[in-house]
């Protein structure tokens, strides 16, 4: 088939090498930059509080992702429970902070991913999967052997170890990371990750080295590349212009697809912090959008009038487990 995903060409030995590398990281856990050192296979828990088996909060076709990912038939999205960050404004706090979800075997996830492909989904979209990497890789190999042949999207908060990204080479086709912060102070205060900026920038470079610019087929659906998400926060707290300067100095803007989001609202514990307790304004967002466009970045630029409409894609993970998310 045209644009066949690279994982289809991995030999059993190559799969096993990657699984062994991921298991070595999990046995004294260094799957994420926290490097907690716990033995995940013995059920020891580190910062993310993840158990020694996969936990999945929901798995369904998602029609509210960026257009190159959702296309006409949706992105086959797998939401994993737990998270390596502690964002006070997390919209998916039910799974990241409250651990909503259920245990999934390797075999069950493989079957579910193949089923998403049968439903017509353009890709398999793994959301915050790093802390379950050894199990996820086994599921992907099993799914590929059972006929999975759509691109794999790695959808993450951008707080990733380069070691982990290296393991994903030739498995992940599309990287969808956040660049949450351009300054360390906000990263520490709002996500408990004082090293976020340094770690995030290294991870973004590693992802680009692997996947390159975002590439789409004749229908505008992505099959390979990097798409960087950035959520604009009120009062400039995200350090957006610092992120812009990093991207301008590190890449050709024509090679970078940006998803600039205006949908911030004070979710989870954001209301307890005055600076995070309101949505962003048009006066805050307009100069940010203009700066990215003037610098020559391509992408998906959300309009300030859209955020209320975008709430139709807000997910209640206590009730939505497998029903398609269409926004209706």
C-alpha atoms as a PDB file:
ATOM      1  CA  UNK A   1       0.000   0.000   0.000  1.00  0.00           C
ATOM      2  CA  UNK A   2       1.203   3.587  -0.544  1.00  0.00           C
ATOM      3  CA  UNK A   3       2.985   5.137   2.447  1.00  0.00           C
ATOM      4  CA  UNK A   4       3.113   1.833   4.331  1.00  0.00           C
ATOM      5  CA  UNK A   5       4.002   2.393   8.009  1.00  0.00           C
ATOM      6  CA  UNK A   6       7.608   1.588   8.822  1.00  0.00           C
ATOM      7  CA  UNK A   7       6.715  -0.856  11.618  1.00  0.00           C
ATOM      8  CA  UNK A   8       5.393  -3.289   8.990  1.00  0.00           C
ATOM      9  CA  UNK A   9       8.972  -3.883   7.872  1.00  0.00           C
ATOM     10  CA  UNK A  10      10.417  -4.689  11.310  1.00  0.00           C
ATOM     11  CA  UNK A  11      11.641  -8.254  11.700  1.00  0.00           C
ATOM     12  CA  UNK A  12      10.669 -10.279  14.785  1.00  0.00           C
ATOM     13  CA  UNK A  13      14.248  -9.835  15.987  1.00  0.00           C
ATOM     14  CA  UNK A  14      14.023  -6.042  15.590  1.00  0.00           C
ATOM     15  CA  UNK A  15      10.730  -5.969  17.505  1.00  0.00           C
ATOM     16  CA  UNK A  16      12.276  -8.047  20.282  1.00  0.00           C
ATOM     17  CA  UNK A  17      15.310  -5.784  20.493  1.00  0.00           C
ATOM     18  CA  UNK A  18      13.055  -2.780  21.033  1.00  0.00           C
ATOM     19  CA  UNK A  19      10.898  -4.591  23.571  1.00  0.00           C
ATOM     20  CA  UNK A  20      14.008  -5.731  25.464  1.00  0.00           C
ATOM     21  CA  UNK A  21      15.304  -2.146  25.526  1.00  0.00           C
ATOM     22  CA  UNK A  22      11.974  -0.840  26.863  1.00  0.00           C
ATOM     23  CA  UNK A  23      11.825  -3.565  29.498  1.00  0.00           C
ATOM     24  CA  UNK A  24      15.338  -2.725  30.635  1.00  0.00           C
ATOM     25  CA  UNK A  25      14.237   0.873  31.180  1.00  0.00           C
ATOM     26  CA  UNK A  26      11.095  -0.219  33.053  1.00  0.00           C
ATOM     27  CA  UNK A  27      12.905  -2.665  35.362  1.00  0.00           C
ATOM     28  CA  UNK A  28      14.657   0.293  37.001  1.00  0.00           C
ATOM     29  CA  UNK A  29      12.266   2.819  35.643  1.00  0.00           C
ATOM     30  CA  UNK A  30      13.771   5.371  33.313  1.00  0.00           C
ATOM     31  CA  UNK A  31      10.937   5.368  30.801  1.00  0.00           C
ATOM     32  CA  UNK A  32      10.471   9.092  31.395  1.00  0.00           C
ATOM     33  CA  UNK A  33      12.868  11.856  32.532  1.00  0.00           C
ATOM     34  CA  UNK A  34      11.824  11.386  36.180  1.00  0.00           C
ATOM     35  CA  UNK A  35      14.057   8.275  36.249  1.00  0.00           C
ATOM     36  CA  UNK A  36      12.406   7.034  39.449  1.00  0.00           C
ATOM     37  CA  UNK A  37      14.348   3.760  39.421  1.00  0.00           C
ATOM     38  CA  UNK A  38      11.439   1.577  40.596  1.00  0.00           C
ATOM     39  CA  UNK A  39      10.866  -1.936  39.247  1.00  0.00           C
ATOM     40  CA  UNK A  40       7.645  -1.603  37.291  1.00  0.00           C
ATOM     41  CA  UNK A  41       7.394  -5.352  36.731  1.00  0.00           C
ATOM     42  CA  UNK A  42       7.200  -5.893  40.494  1.00  0.00           C
ATOM     43  CA  UNK A  43       4.396  -3.348  40.764  1.00  0.00           C
ATOM     44  CA  UNK A  44       6.602  -0.681  42.318  1.00  0.00           C
ATOM     45  CA  UNK A  45       5.233   2.796  41.643  1.00  0.00           C
ATOM     46  CA  UNK A  46       7.128   5.957  40.838  1.00  0.00           C
ATOM     47  CA  UNK A  47       6.049   9.556  40.229  1.00  0.00           C
ATOM     48  CA  UNK A  48       3.373   8.617  37.666  1.00  0.00           C
ATOM     49  CA  UNK A  49       1.855   6.083  40.090  1.00  0.00           C
ATOM     50  CA  UNK A  50       1.287   3.649  37.199  1.00  0.00           C
ATOM     51  CA  UNK A  51       0.837  -0.044  38.035  1.00  0.00           C
ATOM     52  CA  UNK A  52       2.826  -2.943  36.597  1.00  0.00           C
ATOM     53  CA  UNK A  53       0.344  -3.480  33.766  1.00  0.00           C
ATOM     54  CA  UNK A  54      -1.378  -1.249  31.248  1.00  0.00           C
ATOM     55  CA  UNK A  55      -4.298   0.902  32.343  1.00  0.00           C
ATOM     56  CA  UNK A  56      -6.548   2.329  29.625  1.00  0.00           C
ATOM     57  CA  UNK A  57      -9.238   4.947  30.230  1.00  0.00           C
ATOM     58  CA  UNK A  58     -10.874   4.934  26.803  1.00  0.00           C
ATOM     59  CA  UNK A  59     -10.348   3.741  23.249  1.00  0.00           C
ATOM     60  CA  UNK A  60     -12.477   5.095  20.394  1.00  0.00           C
ATOM     61  CA  UNK A  61     -12.537   6.993  17.072  1.00  0.00           C
ATOM     62  CA  UNK A  62     -11.805  10.661  17.807  1.00  0.00           C
ATOM     63  CA  UNK A  63     -13.028  13.291  15.340  1.00  0.00           C
ATOM     64  CA  UNK A  64     -11.780  16.305  17.282  1.00  0.00           C
ATOM     65  CA  UNK A  65      -8.034  16.051  16.692  1.00  0.00           C
ATOM     66  CA  UNK A  66      -6.204  18.238  14.164  1.00  0.00           C
ATOM     67  CA  UNK A  67      -7.654  17.792  10.635  1.00  0.00           C
ATOM     68  CA  UNK A  68      -4.632  15.861   9.285  1.00  0.00           C
ATOM     69  CA  UNK A  69      -5.121  13.320  12.078  1.00  0.00           C
ATOM     70  CA  UNK A  70      -8.899  13.018  12.320  1.00  0.00           C
ATOM     71  CA  UNK A  71      -9.531  13.207   8.576  1.00  0.00           C
ATOM     72  CA  UNK A  72     -13.007  12.070   7.586  1.00  0.00           C
ATOM     73  CA  UNK A  73     -13.096   8.829   9.582  1.00  0.00           C
ATOM     74  CA  UNK A  74     -11.458   9.758  12.863  1.00  0.00           C
ATOM     75  CA  UNK A  75      -8.251   9.026  14.741  1.00  0.00           C
ATOM     76  CA  UNK A  76      -8.222   5.698  16.584  1.00  0.00           C
ATOM     77  CA  UNK A  77      -7.358   7.056  19.992  1.00  0.00           C
ATOM     78  CA  UNK A  78      -6.111   5.101  23.011  1.00  0.00           C
ATOM     79  CA  UNK A  79      -6.132   7.119  26.248  1.00  0.00           C
ATOM     80  CA  UNK A  80      -3.780   5.628  28.837  1.00  0.00           C
ATOM     81  CA  UNK A  81      -4.285   6.292  32.543  1.00  0.00           C
ATOM     82  CA  UNK A  82      -1.697   8.121  34.698  1.00  0.00           C
ATOM     83  CA  UNK A  83       0.828  10.720  33.569  1.00  0.00           C
ATOM     84  CA  UNK A  84       4.423  11.784  34.123  1.00  0.00           C
ATOM     85  CA  UNK A  85       3.356  15.428  34.542  1.00  0.00           C
ATOM     86  CA  UNK A  86       1.192  17.141  37.174  1.00  0.00           C
ATOM     87  CA  UNK A  87      -0.424  19.944  35.185  1.00  0.00           C
ATOM     88  CA  UNK A  88      -2.754  21.937  37.433  1.00  0.00           C
ATOM     89  CA  UNK A  89      -4.942  22.825  34.428  1.00  0.00           C
ATOM     90  CA  UNK A  90      -5.143  19.360  32.834  1.00  0.00           C
ATOM     91  CA  UNK A  91      -8.352  18.911  30.836  1.00  0.00           C
ATOM     92  CA  UNK A  92      -7.979  15.128  31.129  1.00  0.00           C
ATOM     93  CA  UNK A  93      -7.394  15.188  34.888  1.00  0.00           C
ATOM     94  CA  UNK A  94      -9.734  12.226  35.391  1.00  0.00           C
ATOM     95  CA  UNK A  95      -7.117   9.955  33.856  1.00  0.00           C
ATOM     96  CA  UNK A  96      -3.874  11.853  34.506  1.00  0.00           C
ATOM     97  CA  UNK A  97      -4.503  12.733  38.169  1.00  0.00           C
ATOM     98  CA  UNK A  98      -7.390  10.516  39.258  1.00  0.00           C
ATOM     99  CA  UNK A  99      -6.311   7.325  37.431  1.00  0.00           C
ATOM    100  CA  UNK A 100      -9.675   6.608  35.837  1.00  0.00           C
ATOM    101  CA  UNK A 101      -9.315   3.507  33.681  1.00  0.00           C
ATOM    102  CA  UNK A 102      -9.109  -0.272  33.682  1.00  0.00           C
ATOM    103  CA  UNK A 103      -6.355  -2.816  33.284  1.00  0.00           C
ATOM    104  CA  UNK A 104      -5.733  -4.026  29.744  1.00  0.00           C
ATOM    105  CA  UNK A 105      -3.814  -7.101  28.712  1.00  0.00           C
ATOM    106  CA  UNK A 106      -1.397  -6.940  25.795  1.00  0.00           C
ATOM    107  CA  UNK A 107      -3.751  -9.169  23.811  1.00  0.00           C
ATOM    108  CA  UNK A 108      -6.821  -7.030  24.501  1.00  0.00           C
ATOM    109  CA  UNK A 109      -5.157  -3.798  23.407  1.00  0.00           C
ATOM    110  CA  UNK A 110      -3.913  -5.468  20.216  1.00  0.00           C
ATOM    111  CA  UNK A 111      -7.454  -6.609  19.357  1.00  0.00           C
ATOM    112  CA  UNK A 112      -8.873  -3.174  20.127  1.00  0.00           C
ATOM    113  CA  UNK A 113      -6.353  -1.437  17.871  1.00  0.00           C
ATOM    114  CA  UNK A 114      -7.128  -3.768  14.969  1.00  0.00           C
ATOM    115  CA  UNK A 115     -10.823  -3.101  15.585  1.00  0.00           C
ATOM    116  CA  UNK A 116     -10.245   0.661  15.317  1.00  0.00           C
ATOM    117  CA  UNK A 117      -8.663   0.065  11.917  1.00  0.00           C
ATOM    118  CA  UNK A 118     -11.688  -2.023  10.888  1.00  0.00           C
ATOM    119  CA  UNK A 119     -13.910   0.907  11.897  1.00  0.00           C
ATOM    120  CA  UNK A 120     -12.032   3.013   9.334  1.00  0.00           C
ATOM    121  CA  UNK A 121      -9.781   5.072  11.597  1.00  0.00           C
ATOM    122  CA  UNK A 122      -6.882   6.692   9.769  1.00  0.00           C
ATOM    123  CA  UNK A 123      -4.336   5.925  12.492  1.00  0.00           C
ATOM    124  CA  UNK A 124      -3.757   4.599  15.996  1.00  0.00           C
ATOM    125  CA  UNK A 125      -3.289   7.539  18.353  1.00  0.00           C
ATOM    126  CA  UNK A 126      -1.472   6.602  21.582  1.00  0.00           C
ATOM    127  CA  UNK A 127      -2.101   9.262  24.238  1.00  0.00           C
ATOM    128  CA  UNK A 128       0.441   9.447  27.119  1.00  0.00           C
ATOM    129  CA  UNK A 129       1.832   5.960  26.585  1.00  0.00           C
ATOM    130  CA  UNK A 130       5.473   6.275  27.703  1.00  0.00           C
ATOM    131  CA  UNK A 131       4.979   4.887  31.210  1.00  0.00           C
ATOM    132  CA  UNK A 132       3.519   1.698  29.677  1.00  0.00           C
ATOM    133  CA  UNK A 133       5.984   1.383  26.819  1.00  0.00           C
ATOM    134  CA  UNK A 134       7.051  -2.288  27.138  1.00  0.00           C
ATOM    135  CA  UNK A 135       3.445  -3.476  27.163  1.00  0.00           C
ATOM    136  CA  UNK A 136       2.430  -1.101  24.368  1.00  0.00           C
ATOM    137  CA  UNK A 137       5.229  -2.365  22.129  1.00  0.00           C
ATOM    138  CA  UNK A 138       4.160  -5.965  22.641  1.00  0.00           C
ATOM    139  CA  UNK A 139       0.584  -4.990  21.748  1.00  0.00           C
ATOM    140  CA  UNK A 140       1.708  -3.164  18.618  1.00  0.00           C
ATOM    141  CA  UNK A 141       3.745  -6.139  17.427  1.00  0.00           C
ATOM    142  CA  UNK A 142       0.803  -8.452  18.029  1.00  0.00           C
ATOM    143  CA  UNK A 143      -1.571  -6.059  16.247  1.00  0.00           C
ATOM    144  CA  UNK A 144       0.788  -5.751  13.270  1.00  0.00           C
ATOM    145  CA  UNK A 145       0.894  -9.552  12.994  1.00  0.00           C
ATOM    146  CA  UNK A 146      -2.928  -9.519  13.032  1.00  0.00           C
ATOM    147  CA  UNK A 147      -3.152  -7.018  10.161  1.00  0.00           C
ATOM    148  CA  UNK A 148      -2.732  -3.549  11.657  1.00  0.00           C
ATOM    149  CA  UNK A 149      -1.380  -1.323   8.881  1.00  0.00           C
ATOM    150  CA  UNK A 150      -2.230   2.298   9.710  1.00  0.00           C
ATOM    151  CA  UNK A 151       0.209   4.928  11.019  1.00  0.00           C
ATOM    152  CA  UNK A 152       1.030   5.086  14.725  1.00  0.00           C
ATOM    153  CA  UNK A 153       0.665   8.524  16.354  1.00  0.00           C
ATOM    154  CA  UNK A 154       2.586   9.235  19.557  1.00  0.00           C
ATOM    155  CA  UNK A 155       0.520  11.860  21.357  1.00  0.00           C
ATOM    156  CA  UNK A 156       2.317  13.117  24.461  1.00  0.00           C
ATOM    157  CA  UNK A 157       2.962  16.007  26.819  1.00  0.00           C
ATOM    158  CA  UNK A 158       6.422  16.480  25.362  1.00  0.00           C
ATOM    159  CA  UNK A 159       8.177  15.454  28.587  1.00  0.00           C
ATOM    160  CA  UNK A 160      10.021  12.544  27.019  1.00  0.00           C
ATOM    161  CA  UNK A 161      13.383  10.873  27.365  1.00  0.00           C
ATOM    162  CA  UNK A 162      15.478  10.786  24.187  1.00  0.00           C
ATOM    163  CA  UNK A 163      16.281   7.174  25.112  1.00  0.00           C
ATOM    164  CA  UNK A 164      12.603   6.323  24.895  1.00  0.00           C
ATOM    165  CA  UNK A 165      12.171   8.223  21.629  1.00  0.00           C
ATOM    166  CA  UNK A 166      15.090   6.273  20.158  1.00  0.00           C
ATOM    167  CA  UNK A 167      13.315   2.978  20.926  1.00  0.00           C
ATOM    168  CA  UNK A 168      10.265   4.230  19.026  1.00  0.00           C
ATOM    169  CA  UNK A 169      12.232   4.772  15.811  1.00  0.00           C
ATOM    170  CA  UNK A 170      10.567   2.860  12.934  1.00  0.00           C
ATOM    171  CA  UNK A 171       7.511   2.166  15.088  1.00  0.00           C
ATOM    172  CA  UNK A 172       5.998   5.624  15.515  1.00  0.00           C
ATOM    173  CA  UNK A 173       5.152   7.357  12.249  1.00  0.00           C
ATOM    174  CA  UNK A 174       3.702  10.630  13.535  1.00  0.00           C
ATOM    175  CA  UNK A 175       4.813  12.473  16.649  1.00  0.00           C
ATOM    176  CA  UNK A 176       2.241  14.755  18.292  1.00  0.00           C
ATOM    177  CA  UNK A 177       4.019  16.308  21.291  1.00  0.00           C
ATOM    178  CA  UNK A 178       3.113  19.347  23.345  1.00  0.00           C
ATOM    179  CA  UNK A 179       5.488  22.207  23.827  1.00  0.00           C
ATOM    180  CA  UNK A 180       3.831  23.370  27.025  1.00  0.00           C
ATOM    181  CA  UNK A 181       6.388  25.851  28.310  1.00  0.00           C
ATOM    182  CA  UNK A 182       9.194  28.078  27.197  1.00  0.00           C
ATOM    183  CA  UNK A 183      10.241  29.002  30.742  1.00  0.00           C
ATOM    184  CA  UNK A 184      11.236  26.744  33.600  1.00  0.00           C
ATOM    185  CA  UNK A 185       9.453  28.725  36.319  1.00  0.00           C
ATOM    186  CA  UNK A 186       5.978  28.020  34.942  1.00  0.00           C
ATOM    187  CA  UNK A 187       6.865  24.393  34.196  1.00  0.00           C
ATOM    188  CA  UNK A 188       7.878  23.896  37.817  1.00  0.00           C
ATOM    189  CA  UNK A 189       4.928  25.770  39.295  1.00  0.00           C
ATOM    190  CA  UNK A 190       2.135  24.399  37.122  1.00  0.00           C
ATOM    191  CA  UNK A 191       3.382  20.927  36.049  1.00  0.00           C
ATOM    192  CA  UNK A 192       5.948  19.939  38.728  1.00  0.00           C
ATOM    193  CA  UNK A 193       8.628  19.626  36.046  1.00  0.00           C
ATOM    194  CA  UNK A 194      11.409  22.193  36.579  1.00  0.00           C
ATOM    195  CA  UNK A 195      13.504  20.591  33.801  1.00  0.00           C
ATOM    196  CA  UNK A 196      10.626  20.539  31.298  1.00  0.00           C
ATOM    197  CA  UNK A 197      12.012  23.114  28.871  1.00  0.00           C
ATOM    198  CA  UNK A 198      15.413  21.443  28.489  1.00  0.00           C
ATOM    199  CA  UNK A 199      13.921  17.948  28.258  1.00  0.00           C
ATOM    200  CA  UNK A 200      11.178  19.028  25.880  1.00  0.00           C
ATOM    201  CA  UNK A 201      13.510  20.769  23.462  1.00  0.00           C
ATOM    202  CA  UNK A 202      15.795  17.724  23.264  1.00  0.00           C
ATOM    203  CA  UNK A 203      12.800  15.449  22.699  1.00  0.00           C
ATOM    204  CA  UNK A 204      11.394  17.654  19.922  1.00  0.00           C
ATOM    205  CA  UNK A 205      14.737  17.566  18.110  1.00  0.00           C
ATOM    206  CA  UNK A 206      14.892  13.763  18.437  1.00  0.00           C
ATOM    207  CA  UNK A 207      11.355  13.379  17.110  1.00  0.00           C
ATOM    208  CA  UNK A 208      12.097  15.581  14.114  1.00  0.00           C
ATOM    209  CA  UNK A 209      15.275  13.649  13.326  1.00  0.00           C
ATOM    210  CA  UNK A 210      13.187  10.505  13.091  1.00  0.00           C
ATOM    211  CA  UNK A 211       9.991  11.651  11.431  1.00  0.00           C
ATOM    212  CA  UNK A 212      10.790  14.917   9.644  1.00  0.00           C
ATOM    213  CA  UNK A 213       8.162  17.387   8.413  1.00  0.00           C
ATOM    214  CA  UNK A 214       4.496  16.395   8.491  1.00  0.00           C
ATOM    215  CA  UNK A 215       3.517  14.652   5.262  1.00  0.00           C
ATOM    216  CA  UNK A 216      -0.066  14.090   4.102  1.00  0.00           C
ATOM    217  CA  UNK A 217      -1.698  12.003   1.401  1.00  0.00           C
ATOM    218  CA  UNK A 218      -3.967  13.267  -1.361  1.00  0.00           C
ATOM    219  CA  UNK A 219      -6.873  13.526   1.087  1.00  0.00           C
ATOM    220  CA  UNK A 220      -4.904  15.694   3.488  1.00  0.00           C
ATOM    221  CA  UNK A 221      -4.466  12.891   6.045  1.00  0.00           C
ATOM    222  CA  UNK A 222      -1.051  12.659   7.693  1.00  0.00           C
ATOM    223  CA  UNK A 223       1.026   9.512   7.320  1.00  0.00           C
ATOM    224  CA  UNK A 224       4.391  10.657   8.716  1.00  0.00           C
ATOM    225  CA  UNK A 225       6.077  13.547  10.477  1.00  0.00           C
ATOM    226  CA  UNK A 226       5.976  15.910  13.427  1.00  0.00           C
ATOM    227  CA  UNK A 227       3.100  18.116  14.592  1.00  0.00           C
ATOM    228  CA  UNK A 228       3.819  20.313  17.626  1.00  0.00           C
ATOM    229  CA  UNK A 229       0.954  21.416  19.855  1.00  0.00           C
ATOM    230  CA  UNK A 230       1.096  24.559  21.954  1.00  0.00           C
ATOM    231  CA  UNK A 231      -1.680  25.691  24.283  1.00  0.00           C
ATOM    232  CA  UNK A 232      -1.574  29.438  24.889  1.00  0.00           C
ATOM    233  CA  UNK A 233      -2.038  30.245  28.579  1.00  0.00           C
ATOM    234  CA  UNK A 234      -3.358  33.496  30.087  1.00  0.00           C
ATOM    235  CA  UNK A 235      -0.877  36.239  31.027  1.00  0.00           C
ATOM    236  CA  UNK A 236       1.760  34.717  28.745  1.00  0.00           C
ATOM    237  CA  UNK A 237       2.492  32.102  31.413  1.00  0.00           C
ATOM    238  CA  UNK A 238       3.456  29.414  28.905  1.00  0.00           C
ATOM    239  CA  UNK A 239       6.434  31.390  27.628  1.00  0.00           C
ATOM    240  CA  UNK A 240       5.035  31.172  24.101  1.00  0.00           C
ATOM    241  CA  UNK A 241       7.466  33.630  22.531  1.00  0.00           C
ATOM    242  CA  UNK A 242      10.414  31.736  24.040  1.00  0.00           C
ATOM    243  CA  UNK A 243       9.079  28.589  22.357  1.00  0.00           C
ATOM    244  CA  UNK A 244       8.790  30.487  19.087  1.00  0.00           C
ATOM    245  CA  UNK A 245      12.391  31.657  19.330  1.00  0.00           C
ATOM    246  CA  UNK A 246      13.607  28.123  20.011  1.00  0.00           C
ATOM    247  CA  UNK A 247      11.751  26.760  16.993  1.00  0.00           C
ATOM    248  CA  UNK A 248      12.992  29.561  14.723  1.00  0.00           C
ATOM    249  CA  UNK A 249      16.587  28.992  15.770  1.00  0.00           C
ATOM    250  CA  UNK A 250      16.438  25.180  15.584  1.00  0.00           C
ATOM    251  CA  UNK A 251      14.391  24.459  12.442  1.00  0.00           C
ATOM    252  CA  UNK A 252      13.352  25.820   9.102  1.00  0.00           C
ATOM    253  CA  UNK A 253       9.846  27.119   9.929  1.00  0.00           C
ATOM    254  CA  UNK A 254       8.583  25.662   6.633  1.00  0.00           C
ATOM    255  CA  UNK A 255       9.378  22.187   8.030  1.00  0.00           C
ATOM    256  CA  UNK A 256       7.393  22.555  11.246  1.00  0.00           C
ATOM    257  CA  UNK A 257       3.629  22.015  11.493  1.00  0.00           C
ATOM    258  CA  UNK A 258       2.230  23.901  14.485  1.00  0.00           C
ATOM    259  CA  UNK A 259      -1.101  23.313  16.194  1.00  0.00           C
ATOM    260  CA  UNK A 260      -1.667  26.569  18.056  1.00  0.00           C
ATOM    261  CA  UNK A 261      -4.522  26.219  20.524  1.00  0.00           C
ATOM    262  CA  UNK A 262      -6.722  28.926  22.005  1.00  0.00           C
ATOM    263  CA  UNK A 263      -8.961  26.510  23.914  1.00  0.00           C
ATOM    264  CA  UNK A 264      -7.525  27.015  27.405  1.00  0.00           C
ATOM    265  CA  UNK A 265     -10.071  27.038  30.208  1.00  0.00           C
ATOM    266  CA  UNK A 266      -9.461  26.641  33.954  1.00  0.00           C
ATOM    267  CA  UNK A 267      -9.850  22.879  34.387  1.00  0.00           C
ATOM    268  CA  UNK A 268      -8.960  20.731  37.403  1.00  0.00           C
ATOM    269  CA  UNK A 269      -7.188  22.930  40.013  1.00  0.00           C
ATOM    270  CA  UNK A 270      -6.498  25.932  37.792  1.00  0.00           C
ATOM    271  CA  UNK A 271      -9.267  27.912  39.463  1.00  0.00           C
ATOM    272  CA  UNK A 272      -7.286  27.846  42.705  1.00  0.00           C
ATOM    273  CA  UNK A 273      -4.556  29.958  41.067  1.00  0.00           C
ATOM    274  CA  UNK A 274      -5.527  33.498  40.146  1.00  0.00           C
ATOM    275  CA  UNK A 275      -3.244  33.653  37.118  1.00  0.00           C
ATOM    276  CA  UNK A 276      -4.803  30.490  35.641  1.00  0.00           C
ATOM    277  CA  UNK A 277      -8.409  31.155  36.632  1.00  0.00           C
ATOM    278  CA  UNK A 278      -9.705  32.548  33.329  1.00  0.00           C
ATOM    279  CA  UNK A 279      -9.699  31.811  29.614  1.00  0.00           C
ATOM    280  CA  UNK A 280      -7.306  33.632  27.321  1.00  0.00           C
ATOM    281  CA  UNK A 281      -8.409  36.810  25.552  1.00  0.00           C
ATOM    282  CA  UNK A 282      -8.301  37.808  21.904  1.00  0.00           C
ATOM    283  CA  UNK A 283      -5.730  40.459  22.843  1.00  0.00           C
ATOM    284  CA  UNK A 284      -3.448  37.733  24.220  1.00  0.00           C
ATOM    285  CA  UNK A 285      -3.904  35.277  21.381  1.00  0.00           C
ATOM    286  CA  UNK A 286      -3.815  37.503  18.300  1.00  0.00           C
ATOM    287  CA  UNK A 287      -0.155  38.602  18.576  1.00  0.00           C
ATOM    288  CA  UNK A 288       0.923  35.013  19.232  1.00  0.00           C
ATOM    289  CA  UNK A 289      -0.829  33.734  16.125  1.00  0.00           C
ATOM    290  CA  UNK A 290       0.523  36.618  14.073  1.00  0.00           C
ATOM    291  CA  UNK A 291       4.086  35.956  15.254  1.00  0.00           C
ATOM    292  CA  UNK A 292       3.969  32.288  14.231  1.00  0.00           C
ATOM    293  CA  UNK A 293       2.500  33.142  10.847  1.00  0.00           C
ATOM    294  CA  UNK A 294       5.003  35.925  10.203  1.00  0.00           C
ATOM    295  CA  UNK A 295       7.837  33.539  11.061  1.00  0.00           C
ATOM    296  CA  UNK A 296       6.613  31.192   8.321  1.00  0.00           C
ATOM    297  CA  UNK A 297       5.217  28.303  10.346  1.00  0.00           C
ATOM    298  CA  UNK A 298       2.519  26.156   8.762  1.00  0.00           C
ATOM    299  CA  UNK A 299      -0.203  24.412  10.672  1.00  0.00           C
ATOM    300  CA  UNK A 300      -3.568  24.506  12.350  1.00  0.00           C
ATOM    301  CA  UNK A 301      -4.320  27.804  14.049  1.00  0.00           C
ATOM    302  CA  UNK A 302      -7.364  27.740  16.263  1.00  0.00           C
ATOM    303  CA  UNK A 303      -9.456  30.884  16.264  1.00  0.00           C
ATOM    304  CA  UNK A 304     -10.232  32.632  19.528  1.00  0.00           C
ATOM    305  CA  UNK A 305     -13.938  32.303  18.745  1.00  0.00           C
ATOM    306  CA  UNK A 306     -13.651  28.514  18.548  1.00  0.00           C
ATOM    307  CA  UNK A 307     -12.823  27.416  22.100  1.00  0.00           C
ATOM    308  CA  UNK A 308     -16.438  27.248  23.296  1.00  0.00           C
ATOM    309  CA  UNK A 309     -17.288  25.070  20.325  1.00  0.00           C
ATOM    310  CA  UNK A 310     -14.227  22.961  21.047  1.00  0.00           C
ATOM    311  CA  UNK A 311     -15.639  22.046  24.456  1.00  0.00           C
ATOM    312  CA  UNK A 312     -17.959  19.657  22.617  1.00  0.00           C
ATOM    313  CA  UNK A 313     -14.894  17.422  22.380  1.00  0.00           C
ATOM    314  CA  UNK A 314     -14.259  17.526  26.133  1.00  0.00           C
ATOM    315  CA  UNK A 315     -14.321  13.950  27.385  1.00  0.00           C
ATOM    316  CA  UNK A 316     -15.923  12.530  30.517  1.00  0.00           C
ATOM    317  CA  UNK A 317     -13.785   9.429  30.962  1.00  0.00           C
ATOM    318  CA  UNK A 318     -16.119   8.023  33.604  1.00  0.00           C
ATOM    319  CA  UNK A 319     -18.806   7.497  30.971  1.00  0.00           C
ATOM    320  CA  UNK A 320     -17.052   7.409  27.579  1.00  0.00           C
ATOM    321  CA  UNK A 321     -15.044   4.224  27.141  1.00  0.00           C
ATOM    322  CA  UNK A 322     -15.472   3.187  23.499  1.00  0.00           C
ATOM    323  CA  UNK A 323     -18.161   5.319  21.853  1.00  0.00           C
ATOM    324  CA  UNK A 324     -16.878   7.467  18.970  1.00  0.00           C
ATOM    325  CA  UNK A 325     -16.307  11.137  19.816  1.00  0.00           C
ATOM    326  CA  UNK A 326     -17.902  13.157  17.035  1.00  0.00           C
ATOM    327  CA  UNK A 327     -18.734  16.407  18.819  1.00  0.00           C
ATOM    328  CA  UNK A 328     -22.450  15.942  18.217  1.00  0.00           C
END
